[in-house]
Amino acid sequence: MKIIIPMAGRGTRLRPHTLTVPKPLIPVAGKPIIQRLVEELAHSYDQPIREIAFIIGDFGPEVERELIHIAEQLGAKGRIYHQEKAMGVGHAIYCAWESLTGPCMIAFADTLFKADFSFDTREDGMIWVQKVKDPSSFGVVKLDTEGYITEFVEKPTTFVSDLAIVGIYYFREGEKLRTALHHIISQEIKEKNEFQLTTALELLKNEGLRFRTGEIDEWLDCGNKEAILFSNERMLELYRDQDLVAQNASIENSVIIPPCFIGEHAVIRNAVVGPYVSVGNNSVVENTVITNSIIQNKSQIKNALLENSMVGNASKFVGSKDEVNIGDYSNLSKR
């Protein structure tokens, strides 16, 4: 099995945190979004993951090394592909055409899921869905009486179905998807001025492939600050039975209200932390009360009363009561 991850978007809704790293590498409950996603997929599949391919923009060699490391931690080969120009999801996936062989899963990297991803690998394909109140912002599917997909519609302007495609797909033969994507790109077949994956899926269905649906228990968006904080809360709640406080973290004269994640070599001094707080590796929280927030690696928070806040890597915040959204390498003091 191969996992293919299109993640070339710039994550503009999550700035300033995506000015230095892509959105899928933002940590949620102590792990990058992309790492949580591929771990969940790998654990649900009872065969080895041979390769994880990432389709990215120009994110630099440090990001590429981190992505390769995430793949290697799961015993898979990591591969990097580049989408130089944003031309739609279908085009992004086709950029990884060399990896579109044999059994493949495609997963979008801007969401987290709570689901059982086990499935019958003998099916032509699987597409995971969830019912939504407003399907006009999603690709949706219609089903026949046997549960197979009869129609794919991208962002319908009139009601077609409330079964939204969440961004997880399985193809028994990746070569067939590759051929369909090549066709729509070479023939300039666009929807809403982009090459859409749903166009290729409709083509494959018309050629006789049958797609079943899998259901998602919970679908967590990671598109903006508020959504990231909610996803952090849910992940901490789901994993609260695990030991989320690093053994080498220093907790001095402080109270930790679970669930919280406290990273390696973090220092919590004269503070009340939690609930729903993630503090990254080598960060310091001192003389502070903090709830429902994410503090990334190597940052300092002092003399503050924080809630609903995000602080990036290697940043410093000194101040009083506030709700802040600070990117990497920032320094902000409020008296």
Protein backbone atom coordinates (compact mmCIF):
# COMPACT_ATOMS: atom_id res chain seq x y z
CA MET A 1 0.00 0.00 0.00
CA LYS A 2 1.07 3.57 -0.75
CA ILE A 3 -0.29 6.72 0.86
CA ILE A 4 -0.33 9.87 -1.24
CA ILE A 5 -0.73 13.22 0.52
CA PRO A 6 -1.48 16.39 -1.51
CA MET A 7 -0.44 19.34 0.68
CA ALA A 8 0.83 22.08 -1.62
CA GLY A 9 -1.57 24.79 -0.35
CA ARG A 10 -0.17 27.82 1.46
CA GLY A 11 -2.60 27.70 4.41
CA THR A 12 -3.41 31.41 4.24
CA ARG A 13 -6.30 31.13 6.72
CA LEU A 14 -3.86 29.96 9.40
CA ARG A 15 -1.34 32.76 9.10
CA PRO A 16 0.95 33.79 10.74
CA HIS A 17 1.68 30.16 11.67
CA THR A 18 2.01 29.05 8.04
CA LEU A 19 4.48 31.75 7.06
CA THR A 20 7.38 29.48 8.04
CA VAL A 21 5.91 25.94 7.87
CA PRO A 22 3.06 24.35 5.89
CA LYS A 23 -0.24 23.87 7.70
CA PRO A 24 0.04 20.04 7.94
CA LEU A 25 3.14 20.44 10.14
CA ILE A 26 1.34 22.55 12.74
CA PRO A 27 1.21 20.46 15.95
CA VAL A 28 -2.08 19.30 17.44
CA ALA A 29 -1.85 17.67 20.88
CA GLY A 30 1.91 17.42 20.45
CA LYS A 31 2.12 15.93 16.96
CA PRO A 32 2.02 17.52 13.50
CA ILE A 33 -1.36 17.16 11.78
CA ILE A 34 0.20 15.15 8.95
CA GLN A 35 1.86 12.71 11.36
CA ARG A 36 -1.42 12.02 13.16
CA LEU A 37 -3.14 11.45 9.82
CA VAL A 38 -0.68 8.92 8.39
CA GLU A 39 -0.36 7.09 11.73
CA GLU A 40 -4.13 6.65 11.87
CA LEU A 41 -4.25 5.31 8.31
CA ALA A 42 -1.28 2.99 8.85
CA HIS A 43 -2.69 1.54 12.08
CA SER A 44 -6.01 0.73 10.40
CA TYR A 45 -4.35 -1.18 7.55
CA ASP A 46 -3.17 -4.72 8.32
CA GLN A 47 -0.39 -4.73 5.70
CA PRO A 48 2.86 -2.72 5.57
CA ILE A 49 2.81 0.82 4.17
CA ARG A 50 5.54 0.73 1.53
CA GLU A 51 5.63 4.39 0.55
CA ILE A 52 4.25 7.76 1.60
CA ALA A 53 4.36 10.41 -1.12
CA PHE A 54 3.95 14.09 -0.26
CA ILE A 55 2.95 16.65 -2.92
CA ILE A 56 4.17 20.03 -1.71
CA GLY A 57 4.96 23.55 -2.82
CA ASP A 58 8.30 25.24 -2.33
CA PHE A 59 8.57 24.64 1.42
CA GLY A 60 12.34 24.23 1.60
CA PRO A 61 14.68 21.34 2.45
CA GLU A 62 14.02 21.37 6.23
CA VAL A 63 10.30 20.68 5.70
CA GLU A 64 11.12 17.96 3.17
CA ARG A 65 13.46 16.27 5.64
CA GLU A 66 10.77 16.33 8.34
CA LEU A 67 8.21 14.75 5.99
CA ILE A 68 10.65 12.01 4.98
CA HIS A 69 11.31 11.36 8.68
CA ILE A 70 7.57 11.00 9.39
CA ALA A 71 7.33 8.36 6.65
CA GLU A 72 10.41 6.50 7.85
CA GLN A 73 9.06 6.35 11.42
CA LEU A 74 6.26 4.17 10.01
CA GLY A 75 8.71 1.95 8.15
CA ALA A 76 7.79 3.47 4.78
CA LYS A 77 9.81 5.13 2.06
CA GLY A 78 9.17 8.86 1.86
CA ARG A 79 8.95 10.60 -1.51
CA ILE A 80 8.59 14.30 -2.29
CA TYR A 81 6.81 15.68 -5.34
CA HIS A 82 6.31 19.35 -6.17
CA GLN A 83 3.26 21.15 -7.54
CA GLU A 84 4.74 24.33 -8.95
CA LYS A 85 1.43 25.97 -9.84
CA ALA A 86 -1.93 25.60 -8.10
CA MET A 87 -4.18 23.96 -10.69
CA GLY A 88 -6.54 21.96 -8.51
CA VAL A 89 -6.51 18.81 -6.44
CA GLY A 90 -6.62 16.52 -9.47
CA HIS A 91 -3.50 18.14 -10.87
CA ALA A 92 -1.74 17.95 -7.48
CA ILE A 93 -2.32 14.20 -7.23
CA TYR A 94 -1.15 13.70 -10.82
CA CYS A 95 2.16 15.36 -9.87
CA ALA A 96 2.84 12.10 -7.97
CA TRP A 97 2.10 9.96 -11.05
CA GLU A 98 5.16 7.76 -10.49
CA SER A 99 3.64 6.63 -7.17
CA LEU A 100 0.17 5.97 -8.59
CA THR A 101 0.65 2.23 -8.98
CA GLY A 102 -0.96 -0.70 -7.20
CA PRO A 103 -3.08 -0.19 -4.07
CA CYS A 104 -3.08 3.47 -3.02
CA MET A 105 -4.73 5.65 -0.44
CA ILE A 106 -5.05 9.39 -0.99
CA ALA A 107 -5.51 11.60 2.05
CA PHE A 108 -5.85 15.36 2.24
CA ALA A 109 -3.60 16.82 4.91
CA ASP A 110 -5.71 19.65 6.34
CA THR A 111 -8.12 17.59 8.44
CA LEU A 112 -8.06 15.03 11.24
CA PHE A 113 -10.43 12.12 11.65
CA LYS A 114 -11.84 9.72 14.18
CA ALA A 115 -12.76 6.64 12.19
CA ASP A 116 -12.16 2.97 11.51
CA PHE A 117 -10.34 2.98 8.18
CA SER A 118 -10.39 -0.80 7.76
CA PHE A 119 -11.98 -1.93 4.49
CA ASP A 120 -12.23 -4.72 1.94
CA THR A 121 -9.16 -4.29 -0.29
CA ARG A 122 -10.89 -6.28 -3.06
CA GLU A 123 -13.19 -3.34 -3.80
CA ASP A 124 -12.28 -1.17 -6.79
CA GLY A 125 -12.25 1.82 -4.48
CA MET A 126 -13.43 3.31 -1.21
CA ILE A 127 -14.35 6.90 -0.51
CA TRP A 128 -14.96 8.11 3.02
CA VAL A 129 -17.87 10.48 3.62
CA GLN A 130 -19.81 12.23 6.35
CA LYS A 131 -23.25 13.83 6.39
CA VAL A 132 -23.10 17.65 6.50
CA LYS A 133 -25.70 20.36 6.94
CA ASP A 134 -24.45 22.52 4.05
CA PRO A 135 -23.06 20.40 1.20
CA SER A 136 -22.51 23.37 -1.14
CA SER A 137 -18.90 23.73 0.02
CA PHE A 138 -17.96 20.08 -0.59
CA GLY A 139 -17.75 17.39 -3.19
CA VAL A 140 -20.69 15.04 -2.53
CA VAL A 141 -21.83 11.57 -3.66
CA LYS A 142 -25.11 9.85 -4.43
CA LEU A 143 -25.58 6.12 -3.69
CA ASP A 144 -27.60 3.27 -5.15
CA THR A 145 -29.55 0.74 -3.09
CA GLU A 146 -26.44 -1.48 -2.74
CA GLY A 147 -24.35 1.34 -1.29
CA TYR A 148 -22.25 2.00 -4.39
CA ILE A 149 -21.66 5.54 -5.63
CA THR A 150 -23.74 6.57 -8.63
CA GLU A 151 -22.69 10.21 -8.99
CA PHE A 152 -19.96 12.64 -7.93
CA VAL A 153 -20.82 16.35 -7.75
CA GLU A 154 -18.29 19.06 -6.89
CA LYS A 155 -19.73 21.84 -4.65
CA PRO A 156 -23.36 21.59 -5.80
CA THR A 157 -25.31 24.84 -6.07
CA THR A 158 -28.60 22.95 -5.65
CA PHE A 159 -29.18 20.03 -3.28
CA VAL A 160 -27.92 16.71 -4.64
CA SER A 161 -26.78 14.86 -1.52
CA ASP A 162 -25.60 15.59 2.02
CA LEU A 163 -22.85 12.93 1.91
CA ALA A 164 -19.69 15.04 1.74
CA ILE A 165 -16.37 13.56 0.60
CA VAL A 166 -13.97 14.12 3.50
CA GLY A 167 -10.69 13.61 1.63
CA ILE A 168 -9.74 9.96 2.19
CA TYR A 169 -9.77 7.58 -0.81
CA TYR A 170 -8.63 4.04 -1.62
CA PHE A 171 -7.88 2.74 -5.14
CA ARG A 172 -7.11 -0.92 -5.74
CA GLU A 173 -5.27 -0.01 -8.96
CA GLY A 174 -3.59 3.36 -8.80
CA GLU A 175 -2.72 3.11 -12.49
CA LYS A 176 -6.38 3.58 -13.42
CA LEU A 177 -6.61 6.80 -11.44
CA ARG A 178 -3.37 7.98 -13.06
CA THR A 179 -4.81 7.34 -16.52
CA ALA A 180 -8.04 9.19 -15.68
CA LEU A 181 -6.13 12.18 -14.31
CA HIS A 182 -3.89 12.26 -17.39
CA HIS A 183 -7.00 12.30 -19.58
CA ILE A 184 -8.70 15.24 -17.88
CA ILE A 185 -5.47 17.26 -17.76
CA SER A 186 -4.46 16.57 -21.36
CA GLN A 187 -8.00 17.36 -22.54
CA GLU A 188 -8.22 20.49 -20.35
CA ILE A 189 -11.37 19.23 -18.61
CA LYS A 190 -11.87 21.63 -15.72
CA GLU A 191 -14.53 22.42 -13.17
CA LYS A 192 -14.52 25.84 -11.55
CA ASN A 193 -11.33 26.51 -13.53
CA GLU A 194 -9.37 23.69 -11.86
CA PHE A 195 -8.63 20.01 -12.46
CA GLN A 196 -10.84 18.23 -9.94
CA LEU A 197 -10.39 14.76 -8.52
CA THR A 198 -14.16 14.26 -8.66
CA THR A 199 -14.00 14.65 -12.47
CA ALA A 200 -11.55 11.72 -12.65
CA LEU A 201 -13.71 9.69 -10.26
CA GLU A 202 -16.78 10.24 -12.42
CA LEU A 203 -14.79 9.12 -15.47
CA LEU A 204 -13.66 5.94 -13.68
CA LYS A 205 -17.21 5.20 -12.57
CA ASN A 206 -18.47 5.56 -16.14
CA GLU A 207 -15.75 3.09 -17.22
CA GLY A 208 -17.16 0.49 -14.83
CA LEU A 209 -15.26 0.93 -11.56
CA ARG A 210 -17.44 0.62 -8.46
CA PHE A 211 -16.80 2.72 -5.38
CA ARG A 212 -18.15 2.06 -1.91
CA THR A 213 -18.29 4.57 0.92
CA GLY A 214 -16.83 4.41 4.41
CA GLU A 215 -18.18 6.50 7.26
CA ILE A 216 -16.27 8.96 9.44
CA ASP A 217 -17.16 9.18 13.13
CA GLU A 218 -15.69 12.63 13.53
CA TRP A 219 -14.20 15.08 11.07
CA LEU A 220 -11.98 17.81 12.48
CA ASP A 221 -11.11 20.80 10.33
CA CYS A 222 -7.68 22.37 10.79
CA GLY A 223 -8.14 25.37 8.53
CA ASN A 224 -7.90 28.32 10.94
CA LYS A 225 -6.91 29.17 14.49
CA GLU A 226 -10.29 28.39 16.06
CA ALA A 227 -10.53 25.06 14.24
CA ILE A 228 -6.97 24.10 15.23
CA LEU A 229 -7.70 24.84 18.89
CA PHE A 230 -10.87 22.74 18.77
CA SER A 231 -8.98 19.88 17.09
CA ASN A 232 -6.32 20.15 19.79
CA GLU A 233 -9.05 19.89 22.44
CA ARG A 234 -10.63 16.83 20.81
CA MET A 235 -7.31 15.02 20.30
CA LEU A 236 -6.30 15.64 23.91
CA GLU A 237 -9.68 14.33 25.04
CA LEU A 238 -9.41 11.22 22.87
CA TYR A 239 -5.91 10.40 24.14
CA ARG A 240 -6.30 11.57 27.73
CA ASP A 241 -5.74 8.02 29.04
CA GLN A 242 -2.21 8.09 27.64
CA ASP A 243 0.71 9.71 29.42
CA LEU A 244 0.84 13.08 27.66
CA VAL A 245 3.39 14.69 29.98
CA ALA A 246 7.03 14.00 29.04
CA GLN A 247 9.02 12.37 31.82
CA ASN A 248 11.85 14.85 31.44
CA ALA A 249 9.54 17.89 31.60
CA SER A 250 10.10 20.04 34.68
CA ILE A 251 6.92 20.84 36.65
CA GLU A 252 7.75 23.24 39.49
CA ASN A 253 5.16 24.56 41.97
CA SER A 254 2.49 24.21 39.29
CA VAL A 255 -0.87 22.60 38.60
CA ILE A 256 -1.57 20.67 35.39
CA ILE A 257 -5.30 20.27 34.72
CA PRO A 258 -5.75 17.37 32.25
CA PRO A 259 -5.94 16.71 29.48
CA CYS A 260 -2.75 18.50 28.50
CA PHE A 261 0.32 17.70 26.43
CA ILE A 262 3.66 18.78 27.92
CA GLY A 263 6.62 18.19 25.60
CA GLU A 264 10.21 17.05 26.11
CA HIS A 265 12.30 19.30 28.38
CA ALA A 266 9.46 21.79 28.79
CA VAL A 267 9.50 23.85 32.00
CA ILE A 268 6.27 24.72 33.81
CA ARG A 269 7.03 26.98 36.79
CA ASN A 270 4.58 28.72 39.15
CA ALA A 271 1.79 28.14 36.68
CA VAL A 272 -1.66 26.66 36.17
CA VAL A 273 -1.87 24.89 32.82
CA GLY A 274 -5.03 23.35 31.40
CA PRO A 275 -7.33 22.02 30.45
CA TYR A 276 -6.76 21.54 26.71
CA VAL A 277 -3.27 23.01 26.51
CA SER A 278 -0.33 21.73 24.45
CA VAL A 279 3.14 22.96 25.39
CA GLY A 280 5.89 22.04 22.94
CA ASN A 281 9.41 20.76 23.48
CA ASN A 282 11.86 23.04 25.32
CA SER A 283 9.23 25.70 26.00
CA VAL A 284 8.91 27.61 29.28
CA VAL A 285 5.65 28.66 30.91
CA GLU A 286 6.25 30.75 34.02
CA ASN A 287 3.99 32.73 36.39
CA THR A 288 1.12 32.09 34.01
CA VAL A 289 -2.41 30.71 33.88
CA ILE A 290 -3.23 29.21 30.50
CA THR A 291 -6.22 27.31 29.10
CA ASN A 292 -7.30 25.99 25.67
CA SER A 293 -4.11 26.98 23.88
CA ILE A 294 -1.18 25.69 21.84
CA ILE A 295 2.38 26.74 22.64
CA GLN A 296 4.86 25.37 20.11
CA ASN A 297 8.54 24.48 20.59
CA LYS A 298 11.25 26.62 22.23
CA SER A 299 8.89 29.42 23.26
CA GLN A 300 8.53 31.42 26.49
CA ILE A 301 5.32 32.54 28.18
CA LYS A 302 5.71 34.68 31.30
CA ASN A 303 3.39 36.68 33.59
CA ALA A 304 0.37 35.99 31.41
CA LEU A 305 -3.25 34.94 31.67
CA LEU A 306 -3.90 33.25 28.32
CA GLU A 307 -6.83 31.43 26.76
CA ASN A 308 -7.81 30.44 23.21
CA SER A 309 -4.30 31.32 22.05
CA MET A 310 -1.62 30.03 19.68
CA VAL A 311 2.06 30.84 20.03
CA GLY A 312 4.51 29.69 17.37
CA ASN A 313 8.02 28.28 17.63
CA ALA A 314 10.87 30.18 19.30
CA SER A 315 8.59 33.03 20.35
CA LYS A 316 8.23 35.02 23.56
CA PHE A 317 5.12 36.51 25.14
CA VAL A 318 5.21 38.54 28.33
CA GLY A 319 2.01 40.17 29.42
CA SER A 320 -1.28 40.19 31.23
CA LYS A 321 -4.71 38.81 30.33
CA ASP A 322 -5.05 38.32 26.60
CA GLU A 323 -5.95 36.11 23.66
CA VAL A 324 -3.03 36.02 21.28
CA ASN A 325 -2.11 34.57 17.90
CA ILE A 326 1.66 34.82 17.47
CA GLY A 327 3.70 33.22 14.72
CA ASP A 328 7.23 31.80 14.83
CA TYR A 329 10.20 33.90 16.02
CA SER A 330 8.04 36.64 17.51
CA ASN A 331 8.57 38.73 20.64
CA LEU A 332 5.59 40.47 22.25
CA SER A 333 5.44 42.13 25.66
CA LYS A 334 2.32 43.71 27.18
CA ARG A 335 2.48 45.60 30.43
